[in-house]
Amino acid sequence: MTVYHDAQIYSGLTTFDVTVFGVEDALCAFFRNDTLYGSAYTNASGFAIITIDPPLPSSGEITLTVTAYNKIPYIVSIPVQAPSGPYISFLKGIIDDTG
């Protein structure tokens, strides 16, 4: 299976995107120390959004496992990082083209 996802995850995030190219109904799951942090199945496009609950720890690694019928399981450790700030975010903008 060809699996695409971010190389790291920040603690405090509530979702994580996974794409399994060409595979519908692949199970994508986050585990750490026998705790399931979230799972989701891929849709017809091979896309899944894992909802994370309970919240991730602030450091260490979490295991992403992707399984599907007649496929070799994909298992990888993803580093969990505490977000460092401060952050600047853009809320909205106004364009004035009258002049």
Foldseek 3Di string as FASTA:
>chain_A
DDKDFDQAAEWPDFKTKMADAQDFQKKKWKADPNDTQWIFTAHRRRITITGGPPTDDAWDWIWIWIGDPPDDIDIDIHTYHHDDDDDDDDDDDDDDPPD
